[in-house]
Amino acid sequence: MCIMTRIIPTVFLVFALPVSASSSDQPTLDSRIECHSILHEYASNTVTIISADIVPADQRNPTYCKVFGTITIDIGFEVHLPTDWNGRFYMVGNEGSDGRINTRYLNSAARLNYATASTDLGYDINADGDAYGYKNRQKVIDYGFRATHLTAVVSKEIIETFYGVAAEYSYFVAG
């Protein structure tokens, strides 16, 4: 009598999931909710908060809440609120990069846990081009001095709303 056996190969599947070096680098649900709450807690007739999102830490930057908005009429601004704040506010100028938020200097100050801010001076480099301010005195005023001042004022209000206390010291660096 002949018995035939059948051999069934066994296959094992191995799944690899990305693992963070440290779980503390990842934003918690509480920090996300806290960041998004600025959308509802900060109120102004002249300011529109467009977004407030938590940005996870990476090799160079700590975890922070990134707030983007506009000040009437079309002054763009960005504020970075680190989760491990040092109690100070650091606003950066445009360093000749008019029409853009100066993210390079925003990030370098954020690495030291400053709440930071920058503005585009009310100038959209892509939309306004060479005709910027032509027959529009308000844009010239915004660009010349109003955007920087208002961004500083609004940023300090957002900082106080987010952290519950005002910044102990404030700095402005032109770039």
N, C-alpha and C. Protein backbone atom coordinates (compact mmCIF):
# COMPACT_ATOMS: atom_id res chain seq x y z
N MET A 1 0.83 -1.16 0.00
CA MET A 1 0.00 0.00 0.00
C MET A 1 0.89 1.23 0.00
N CYS A 2 0.55 2.10 -0.85
CA CYS A 2 1.34 3.32 -1.01
C CYS A 2 0.55 4.52 -0.48
N ILE A 3 1.16 5.25 0.43
CA ILE A 3 0.49 6.44 0.98
C ILE A 3 1.20 7.68 0.42
N MET A 4 0.42 8.51 -0.17
CA MET A 4 0.97 9.76 -0.71
C MET A 4 0.71 10.89 0.28
N THR A 5 1.71 11.58 0.54
CA THR A 5 1.54 12.75 1.40
C THR A 5 1.75 14.01 0.58
N ARG A 6 1.01 14.94 0.92
CA ARG A 6 1.11 16.23 0.21
C ARG A 6 1.73 17.25 1.15
N ILE A 7 2.73 17.89 0.72
CA ILE A 7 3.40 18.90 1.53
C ILE A 7 2.87 20.27 1.13
N ILE A 8 2.35 20.97 2.12
CA ILE A 8 1.81 22.31 1.88
C ILE A 8 2.82 23.33 2.41
N PRO A 9 3.32 24.16 1.52
CA PRO A 9 4.28 25.17 2.00
C PRO A 9 3.59 26.20 2.88
N THR A 10 4.31 26.64 3.87
CA THR A 10 3.79 27.65 4.78
C THR A 10 4.47 28.98 4.45
N VAL A 11 3.67 30.00 4.36
CA VAL A 11 4.19 31.34 4.05
C VAL A 11 3.91 32.25 5.24
N PHE A 12 4.94 32.91 5.68
CA PHE A 12 4.78 33.88 6.76
C PHE A 12 4.96 35.28 6.17
N LEU A 13 4.03 36.14 6.48
CA LEU A 13 4.14 37.53 6.04
C LEU A 13 4.58 38.38 7.22
N VAL A 14 5.53 39.22 6.97
CA VAL A 14 6.03 40.10 8.01
C VAL A 14 5.74 41.53 7.58
N PHE A 15 5.08 42.24 8.45
CA PHE A 15 4.76 43.64 8.17
C PHE A 15 5.64 44.52 9.03
N ALA A 16 6.23 45.50 8.42
CA ALA A 16 7.05 46.45 9.16
C ALA A 16 6.31 47.78 9.23
N LEU A 17 6.11 48.27 10.42
CA LEU A 17 5.45 49.56 10.60
C LEU A 17 6.49 50.59 11.01
N PRO A 18 6.37 51.83 10.51
CA PRO A 18 7.34 52.84 10.93
C PRO A 18 7.21 53.10 12.43
N VAL A 19 8.34 53.18 13.06
CA VAL A 19 8.36 53.42 14.49
C VAL A 19 9.11 54.71 14.74
N SER A 20 8.53 55.57 15.52
CA SER A 20 9.16 56.84 15.86
C SER A 20 10.29 56.59 16.86
N ALA A 21 11.31 57.40 16.77
CA ALA A 21 12.42 57.29 17.71
C ALA A 21 11.95 57.57 19.13
N SER A 22 11.00 58.48 19.25
CA SER A 22 10.46 58.83 20.56
C SER A 22 9.00 59.17 20.42
N SER A 23 8.19 58.59 21.26
CA SER A 23 6.76 58.87 21.18
C SER A 23 6.45 60.31 21.57
N SER A 24 7.37 60.97 22.32
CA SER A 24 7.13 62.36 22.72
C SER A 24 7.29 63.32 21.55
N ASP A 25 7.92 62.86 20.45
CA ASP A 25 8.07 63.71 19.27
C ASP A 25 6.76 63.87 18.52
N GLN A 26 5.83 62.93 18.71
CA GLN A 26 4.57 62.97 18.00
C GLN A 26 3.57 63.83 18.78
N PRO A 27 2.82 64.65 18.06
CA PRO A 27 1.83 65.49 18.75
C PRO A 27 0.72 64.62 19.36
N THR A 28 0.31 65.00 20.52
CA THR A 28 -0.77 64.28 21.18
C THR A 28 -2.11 64.83 20.71
N LEU A 29 -3.16 64.09 20.99
CA LEU A 29 -4.50 64.54 20.65
C LEU A 29 -4.80 65.85 21.37
N ASP A 30 -4.37 65.96 22.63
CA ASP A 30 -4.60 67.19 23.39
C ASP A 30 -3.92 68.39 22.73
N SER A 31 -2.69 68.22 22.25
CA SER A 31 -2.00 69.36 21.62
C SER A 31 -2.67 69.74 20.31
N ARG A 32 -3.21 68.77 19.58
CA ARG A 32 -3.93 69.08 18.34
C ARG A 32 -5.21 69.85 18.64
N ILE A 33 -5.94 69.41 19.66
CA ILE A 33 -7.18 70.10 20.03
C ILE A 33 -6.86 71.51 20.51
N GLU A 34 -5.82 71.63 21.32
CA GLU A 34 -5.43 72.94 21.83
C GLU A 34 -5.04 73.87 20.68
N CYS A 35 -4.33 73.36 19.71
CA CYS A 35 -3.93 74.16 18.55
C CYS A 35 -5.16 74.61 17.77
N HIS A 36 -6.06 73.70 17.47
CA HIS A 36 -7.25 74.02 16.71
C HIS A 36 -8.18 74.98 17.46
N SER A 37 -8.10 74.98 18.79
CA SER A 37 -8.99 75.83 19.58
C SER A 37 -8.75 77.31 19.33
N ILE A 38 -7.56 77.67 18.86
CA ILE A 38 -7.27 79.08 18.57
C ILE A 38 -8.22 79.61 17.50
N LEU A 39 -8.71 78.72 16.64
CA LEU A 39 -9.66 79.13 15.60
C LEU A 39 -10.94 79.70 16.20
N HIS A 40 -11.31 79.23 17.39
CA HIS A 40 -12.55 79.65 18.02
C HIS A 40 -12.32 80.63 19.17
N GLU A 41 -11.18 80.53 19.83
CA GLU A 41 -10.94 81.35 21.01
C GLU A 41 -10.45 82.75 20.67
N TYR A 42 -9.73 82.90 19.57
CA TYR A 42 -9.23 84.23 19.21
C TYR A 42 -10.26 84.91 18.32
N ALA A 43 -10.66 86.10 18.69
CA ALA A 43 -11.66 86.83 17.91
C ALA A 43 -11.21 88.26 17.67
N SER A 44 -11.36 88.71 16.44
CA SER A 44 -11.05 90.08 16.06
C SER A 44 -11.85 90.42 14.81
N ASN A 45 -12.31 91.65 14.73
CA ASN A 45 -13.06 92.10 13.56
C ASN A 45 -12.18 92.27 12.33
N THR A 46 -10.87 92.40 12.52
CA THR A 46 -9.97 92.67 11.41
C THR A 46 -9.06 91.50 11.06
N VAL A 47 -9.20 90.38 11.78
CA VAL A 47 -8.31 89.23 11.58
C VAL A 47 -9.14 88.00 11.24
N THR A 48 -8.67 87.27 10.23
CA THR A 48 -9.26 85.98 9.88
C THR A 48 -8.19 84.92 10.06
N ILE A 49 -8.42 83.99 10.99
CA ILE A 49 -7.50 82.85 11.15
C ILE A 49 -7.92 81.81 10.12
N ILE A 50 -7.05 81.51 9.19
CA ILE A 50 -7.35 80.57 8.12
C ILE A 50 -7.09 79.13 8.55
N SER A 51 -5.98 78.92 9.26
CA SER A 51 -5.67 77.56 9.71
C SER A 51 -4.86 77.61 11.00
N ALA A 52 -4.98 76.54 11.77
CA ALA A 52 -4.18 76.33 12.97
C ALA A 52 -3.94 74.83 13.08
N ASP A 53 -2.73 74.43 12.77
CA ASP A 53 -2.40 73.01 12.72
C ASP A 53 -1.13 72.72 13.51
N ILE A 54 -1.12 71.58 14.17
CA ILE A 54 0.07 71.17 14.91
C ILE A 54 1.08 70.60 13.91
N VAL A 55 2.33 71.00 14.06
CA VAL A 55 3.40 70.50 13.20
C VAL A 55 4.30 69.64 14.08
N PRO A 56 4.42 68.34 13.75
CA PRO A 56 5.24 67.46 14.60
C PRO A 56 6.72 67.82 14.54
N ALA A 57 7.41 67.47 15.59
CA ALA A 57 8.85 67.70 15.65
C ALA A 57 9.55 66.90 14.57
N ASP A 58 10.65 67.44 14.09
CA ASP A 58 11.51 66.70 13.18
C ASP A 58 12.94 66.82 13.70
N GLN A 59 13.91 66.50 12.89
CA GLN A 59 15.30 66.53 13.34
C GLN A 59 15.77 67.93 13.72
N ARG A 60 15.14 68.95 13.13
CA ARG A 60 15.61 70.32 13.36
C ARG A 60 14.66 71.17 14.19
N ASN A 61 13.37 70.89 14.14
CA ASN A 61 12.39 71.77 14.78
C ASN A 61 11.57 71.04 15.84
N PRO A 62 11.19 71.76 16.90
CA PRO A 62 10.32 71.16 17.91
C PRO A 62 8.87 71.14 17.42
N THR A 63 8.00 70.47 18.16
CA THR A 63 6.58 70.47 17.85
C THR A 63 6.03 71.87 18.10
N TYR A 64 5.21 72.37 17.16
CA TYR A 64 4.62 73.69 17.34
C TYR A 64 3.26 73.77 16.65
N CYS A 65 2.48 74.75 17.08
CA CYS A 65 1.19 75.04 16.46
C CYS A 65 1.42 76.15 15.44
N LYS A 66 1.09 75.87 14.20
CA LYS A 66 1.29 76.83 13.11
C LYS A 66 -0.05 77.50 12.81
N VAL A 67 -0.10 78.81 13.03
CA VAL A 67 -1.31 79.60 12.80
C VAL A 67 -1.06 80.49 11.59
N PHE A 68 -1.99 80.43 10.63
CA PHE A 68 -1.89 81.25 9.43
C PHE A 68 -3.17 82.05 9.30
N GLY A 69 -3.03 83.33 8.94
CA GLY A 69 -4.22 84.16 8.80
C GLY A 69 -3.97 85.41 7.99
N THR A 70 -5.01 86.25 7.94
CA THR A 70 -4.91 87.53 7.25
C THR A 70 -5.45 88.63 8.15
N ILE A 71 -4.89 89.80 7.96
CA ILE A 71 -5.35 91.00 8.64
C ILE A 71 -5.94 91.89 7.55
N THR A 72 -7.09 92.48 7.82
CA THR A 72 -7.79 93.29 6.82
C THR A 72 -6.83 94.29 6.20
N ILE A 73 -6.77 94.40 4.98
CA ILE A 73 -7.51 93.75 3.92
C ILE A 73 -6.81 92.48 3.47
N ASP A 74 -5.56 92.53 3.18
CA ASP A 74 -4.91 91.30 2.70
C ASP A 74 -3.46 91.17 3.16
N ILE A 75 -3.24 91.42 4.44
CA ILE A 75 -1.91 91.22 5.02
C ILE A 75 -1.85 89.79 5.54
N GLY A 76 -0.98 88.99 4.95
CA GLY A 76 -0.82 87.61 5.40
C GLY A 76 0.17 87.54 6.56
N PHE A 77 -0.08 86.62 7.48
CA PHE A 77 0.86 86.43 8.59
C PHE A 77 0.87 84.97 9.01
N GLU A 78 1.94 84.60 9.70
CA GLU A 78 2.08 83.25 10.23
C GLU A 78 2.70 83.35 11.62
N VAL A 79 2.17 82.56 12.55
CA VAL A 79 2.67 82.52 13.92
C VAL A 79 2.97 81.07 14.26
N HIS A 80 4.14 80.81 14.83
CA HIS A 80 4.51 79.48 15.30
C HIS A 80 4.53 79.50 16.82
N LEU A 81 3.76 78.60 17.43
CA LEU A 81 3.61 78.53 18.88
C LEU A 81 4.15 77.19 19.37
N PRO A 82 5.38 77.15 19.88
CA PRO A 82 5.97 75.87 20.30
C PRO A 82 5.26 75.31 21.53
N THR A 83 5.17 73.99 21.60
CA THR A 83 4.53 73.35 22.75
C THR A 83 5.38 73.52 24.01
N ASP A 84 6.69 73.69 23.84
CA ASP A 84 7.60 73.93 24.96
C ASP A 84 8.10 75.37 24.86
N TRP A 85 7.23 76.32 25.17
CA TRP A 85 7.48 77.76 24.97
C TRP A 85 8.41 78.33 26.03
N ASN A 86 9.32 79.22 25.62
CA ASN A 86 10.24 79.84 26.57
C ASN A 86 9.71 81.16 27.15
N GLY A 87 8.47 81.55 26.80
CA GLY A 87 7.87 82.76 27.36
C GLY A 87 8.20 84.03 26.60
N ARG A 88 8.83 83.90 25.43
CA ARG A 88 9.27 85.08 24.67
C ARG A 88 8.71 85.07 23.25
N PHE A 89 8.58 86.28 22.69
CA PHE A 89 8.06 86.46 21.33
C PHE A 89 9.17 87.01 20.45
N TYR A 90 9.32 86.43 19.26
CA TYR A 90 10.39 86.78 18.33
C TYR A 90 9.75 86.98 16.96
N MET A 91 9.70 88.23 16.51
CA MET A 91 9.13 88.51 15.18
C MET A 91 10.27 88.77 14.20
N VAL A 92 10.14 88.20 13.01
CA VAL A 92 11.18 88.35 12.01
C VAL A 92 10.71 89.22 10.85
N GLY A 93 11.64 90.01 10.32
CA GLY A 93 11.35 90.81 9.14
C GLY A 93 11.46 89.97 7.89
N ASN A 94 11.37 90.61 6.74
CA ASN A 94 11.32 89.86 5.50
C ASN A 94 12.66 89.66 4.80
N GLU A 95 13.68 90.36 5.21
CA GLU A 95 15.01 90.12 4.67
C GLU A 95 15.03 90.18 3.14
N GLY A 96 14.27 91.08 2.57
CA GLY A 96 14.24 91.19 1.12
C GLY A 96 13.39 90.13 0.44
N SER A 97 12.70 89.30 1.23
CA SER A 97 11.85 88.27 0.62
C SER A 97 10.39 88.73 0.64
N ASP A 98 10.19 89.99 0.32
CA ASP A 98 8.86 90.58 0.35
C ASP A 98 7.90 89.76 -0.49
N GLY A 99 6.69 89.64 0.00
CA GLY A 99 5.69 88.85 -0.70
C GLY A 99 5.66 87.42 -0.21
N ARG A 100 6.49 87.10 0.77
CA ARG A 100 6.53 85.76 1.34
C ARG A 100 6.72 85.84 2.85
N ILE A 101 6.19 84.86 3.55
CA ILE A 101 6.47 84.70 4.97
C ILE A 101 7.92 84.23 5.08
N ASN A 102 8.68 84.80 6.00
CA ASN A 102 10.09 84.44 6.16
C ASN A 102 10.23 83.20 7.04
N THR A 103 9.96 82.04 6.46
CA THR A 103 9.98 80.79 7.23
C THR A 103 11.38 80.39 7.69
N ARG A 104 12.39 80.83 6.98
CA ARG A 104 13.75 80.47 7.38
C ARG A 104 14.06 80.96 8.78
N TYR A 105 13.79 82.24 9.03
CA TYR A 105 14.06 82.79 10.36
C TYR A 105 13.01 82.41 11.38
N LEU A 106 11.78 82.14 10.93
CA LEU A 106 10.75 81.63 11.85
C LEU A 106 11.24 80.32 12.46
N ASN A 107 11.73 79.44 11.63
CA ASN A 107 12.17 78.13 12.10
C ASN A 107 13.41 78.20 12.97
N SER A 108 14.34 79.10 12.65
CA SER A 108 15.56 79.18 13.48
C SER A 108 15.24 79.67 14.88
N ALA A 109 14.29 80.59 15.02
CA ALA A 109 13.90 81.06 16.36
C ALA A 109 13.05 80.02 17.08
N ALA A 110 12.25 79.29 16.34
CA ALA A 110 11.40 78.25 16.94
C ALA A 110 12.25 77.14 17.55
N ARG A 111 13.42 76.90 16.99
CA ARG A 111 14.32 75.87 17.54
C ARG A 111 14.73 76.21 18.97
N LEU A 112 14.65 77.50 19.32
CA LEU A 112 14.99 77.95 20.66
C LEU A 112 13.73 78.15 21.50
N ASN A 113 12.60 77.65 21.01
CA ASN A 113 11.30 77.67 21.69
C ASN A 113 10.69 79.06 21.86
N TYR A 114 11.02 79.98 20.97
CA TYR A 114 10.34 81.28 20.92
C TYR A 114 9.02 81.11 20.18
N ALA A 115 7.99 81.84 20.59
CA ALA A 115 6.81 82.00 19.75
C ALA A 115 7.25 82.99 18.67
N THR A 116 7.07 82.64 17.41
CA THR A 116 7.60 83.46 16.33
C THR A 116 6.50 83.89 15.36
N ALA A 117 6.77 84.98 14.62
CA ALA A 117 5.79 85.47 13.64
C ALA A 117 6.51 86.15 12.49
N SER A 118 5.83 86.16 11.35
CA SER A 118 6.32 86.86 10.16
C SER A 118 5.11 87.26 9.33
N THR A 119 5.31 88.23 8.44
CA THR A 119 4.24 88.72 7.58
C THR A 119 4.72 88.81 6.14
N ASP A 120 3.77 88.80 5.20
CA ASP A 120 4.11 89.00 3.79
C ASP A 120 4.00 90.47 3.40
N LEU A 121 3.73 91.34 4.37
CA LEU A 121 3.61 92.79 4.19
C LEU A 121 2.44 93.19 3.30
N GLY A 122 1.49 92.30 3.12
CA GLY A 122 0.33 92.62 2.27
C GLY A 122 0.64 92.54 0.79
N TYR A 123 1.74 91.92 0.46
CA TYR A 123 2.19 91.85 -0.92
C TYR A 123 2.28 90.39 -1.36
N ASP A 124 1.49 90.01 -2.34
CA ASP A 124 1.53 88.67 -2.89
C ASP A 124 2.41 88.71 -4.13
N ILE A 125 3.60 88.19 -4.01
CA ILE A 125 4.58 88.26 -5.09
C ILE A 125 4.07 87.63 -6.38
N ASN A 126 3.22 86.60 -6.24
CA ASN A 126 2.70 85.91 -7.43
C ASN A 126 1.56 86.68 -8.09
N ALA A 127 0.73 87.34 -7.31
CA ALA A 127 -0.45 88.02 -7.87
C ALA A 127 -0.19 89.48 -8.19
N ASP A 128 0.59 90.16 -7.36
CA ASP A 128 0.74 91.61 -7.51
C ASP A 128 1.80 92.01 -8.54
N GLY A 129 2.87 91.26 -8.63
CA GLY A 129 3.92 91.54 -9.61
C GLY A 129 4.44 92.97 -9.54
N ASP A 130 4.80 93.52 -10.69
CA ASP A 130 5.38 94.86 -10.77
C ASP A 130 4.36 95.97 -10.53
N ALA A 131 3.10 95.67 -10.63
CA ALA A 131 2.06 96.69 -10.46
C ALA A 131 1.66 96.88 -9.00
N TYR A 132 2.41 96.30 -8.08
CA TYR A 132 2.07 96.39 -6.67
C TYR A 132 1.96 97.86 -6.23
N GLY A 133 0.86 98.20 -5.64
CA GLY A 133 0.64 99.54 -5.12
C GLY A 133 0.22 100.57 -6.15
N TYR A 134 0.19 100.19 -7.41
CA TYR A 134 -0.21 101.13 -8.45
C TYR A 134 -1.67 101.52 -8.25
N LYS A 135 -1.92 102.77 -8.04
CA LYS A 135 -3.25 103.32 -7.79
C LYS A 135 -3.92 102.68 -6.58
N ASN A 136 -3.11 102.27 -5.60
CA ASN A 136 -3.65 101.67 -4.39
C ASN A 136 -2.78 102.12 -3.21
N ARG A 137 -3.10 103.28 -2.69
CA ARG A 137 -2.33 103.88 -1.59
C ARG A 137 -2.31 102.99 -0.35
N GLN A 138 -3.42 102.29 -0.07
CA GLN A 138 -3.47 101.44 1.12
C GLN A 138 -2.43 100.33 1.07
N LYS A 139 -2.21 99.74 -0.09
CA LYS A 139 -1.18 98.69 -0.21
C LYS A 139 0.21 99.25 0.08
N VAL A 140 0.46 100.47 -0.37
CA VAL A 140 1.75 101.10 -0.11
C VAL A 140 1.93 101.34 1.39
N ILE A 141 0.87 101.80 2.06
CA ILE A 141 0.91 102.03 3.50
C ILE A 141 1.10 100.71 4.24
N ASP A 142 0.35 99.68 3.84
CA ASP A 142 0.50 98.37 4.47
C ASP A 142 1.94 97.87 4.34
N TYR A 143 2.47 97.94 3.15
CA TYR A 143 3.82 97.47 2.87
C TYR A 143 4.86 98.27 3.66
N GLY A 144 4.67 99.58 3.71
CA GLY A 144 5.65 100.46 4.33
C GLY A 144 5.79 100.30 5.84
N PHE A 145 4.69 100.17 6.55
CA PHE A 145 4.80 100.06 8.00
C PHE A 145 3.62 99.38 8.68
N ARG A 146 2.45 99.45 8.15
CA ARG A 146 1.26 98.95 8.83
C ARG A 146 1.28 97.43 9.04
N ALA A 147 1.72 96.67 8.04
CA ALA A 147 1.71 95.21 8.13
C ALA A 147 2.60 94.70 9.26
N THR A 148 3.77 95.25 9.41
CA THR A 148 4.69 94.81 10.46
C THR A 148 4.10 95.11 11.85
N HIS A 149 3.59 96.32 12.02
CA HIS A 149 3.01 96.71 13.31
C HIS A 149 1.80 95.83 13.66
N LEU A 150 0.86 95.69 12.72
CA LEU A 150 -0.34 94.92 13.00
C LEU A 150 -0.04 93.44 13.23
N THR A 151 0.92 92.90 12.51
CA THR A 151 1.29 91.50 12.73
C THR A 151 1.86 91.32 14.13
N ALA A 152 2.66 92.26 14.59
CA ALA A 152 3.19 92.17 15.96
C ALA A 152 2.06 92.22 16.99
N VAL A 153 1.12 93.14 16.81
CA VAL A 153 -0.01 93.27 17.74
C VAL A 153 -0.86 92.00 17.75
N VAL A 154 -1.25 91.53 16.57
CA VAL A 154 -2.09 90.34 16.46
C VAL A 154 -1.36 89.10 16.99
N SER A 155 -0.09 88.96 16.69
CA SER A 155 0.69 87.81 17.16
C SER A 155 0.74 87.78 18.68
N LYS A 156 0.93 88.92 19.31
CA LYS A 156 0.95 88.98 20.78
C LYS A 156 -0.40 88.60 21.36
N GLU A 157 -1.48 89.00 20.70
CA GLU A 157 -2.83 88.62 21.15
C GLU A 157 -3.03 87.10 21.01
N ILE A 158 -2.58 86.54 19.90
CA ILE A 158 -2.70 85.10 19.68
C ILE A 158 -1.87 84.33 20.71
N ILE A 159 -0.68 84.81 20.99
CA ILE A 159 0.19 84.18 22.00
C ILE A 159 -0.51 84.17 23.35
N GLU A 160 -1.08 85.30 23.74
CA GLU A 160 -1.76 85.38 25.04
C GLU A 160 -3.00 84.49 25.07
N THR A 161 -3.72 84.41 23.96
CA THR A 161 -4.89 83.54 23.88
C THR A 161 -4.47 82.08 23.99
N PHE A 162 -3.42 81.69 23.30
CA PHE A 162 -2.98 80.30 23.25
C PHE A 162 -2.39 79.82 24.58
N TYR A 163 -1.47 80.62 25.14
CA TYR A 163 -0.76 80.19 26.34
C TYR A 163 -1.44 80.64 27.64
N GLY A 164 -2.33 81.64 27.54
CA GLY A 164 -2.99 82.15 28.74
C GLY A 164 -2.21 83.23 29.46
N VAL A 165 -1.04 83.57 28.96
CA VAL A 165 -0.21 84.65 29.51
C VAL A 165 0.46 85.39 28.36
N ALA A 166 0.79 86.65 28.59
CA ALA A 166 1.49 87.44 27.58
C ALA A 166 2.96 87.05 27.55
N ALA A 167 3.60 87.32 26.43
CA ALA A 167 5.04 87.08 26.32
C ALA A 167 5.78 87.99 27.29
N GLU A 168 6.76 87.44 27.95
CA GLU A 168 7.53 88.20 28.92
C GLU A 168 8.44 89.23 28.23
N TYR A 169 9.02 88.84 27.10
CA TYR A 169 9.88 89.73 26.31
C TYR A 169 9.50 89.59 24.84
N SER A 170 9.70 90.66 24.09
CA SER A 170 9.41 90.64 22.65
C SER A 170 10.63 91.18 21.90
N TYR A 171 10.92 90.56 20.75
CA TYR A 171 12.07 90.94 19.95
C TYR A 171 11.63 91.07 18.50
N PHE A 172 12.29 91.96 17.76
CA PHE A 172 12.10 92.06 16.32
C PHE A 172 13.48 92.01 15.68
N VAL A 173 13.61 91.13 14.70
CA VAL A 173 14.87 91.00 13.97
C VAL A 173 14.55 91.22 12.50
N ALA A 174 15.20 92.23 11.90
CA ALA A 174 14.89 92.61 10.52
C ALA A 174 15.40 91.60 9.52
N GLY A 175 16.42 90.85 9.82
CA GLY A 175 16.90 89.81 8.91
C GLY A 175 18.12 90.11 8.23
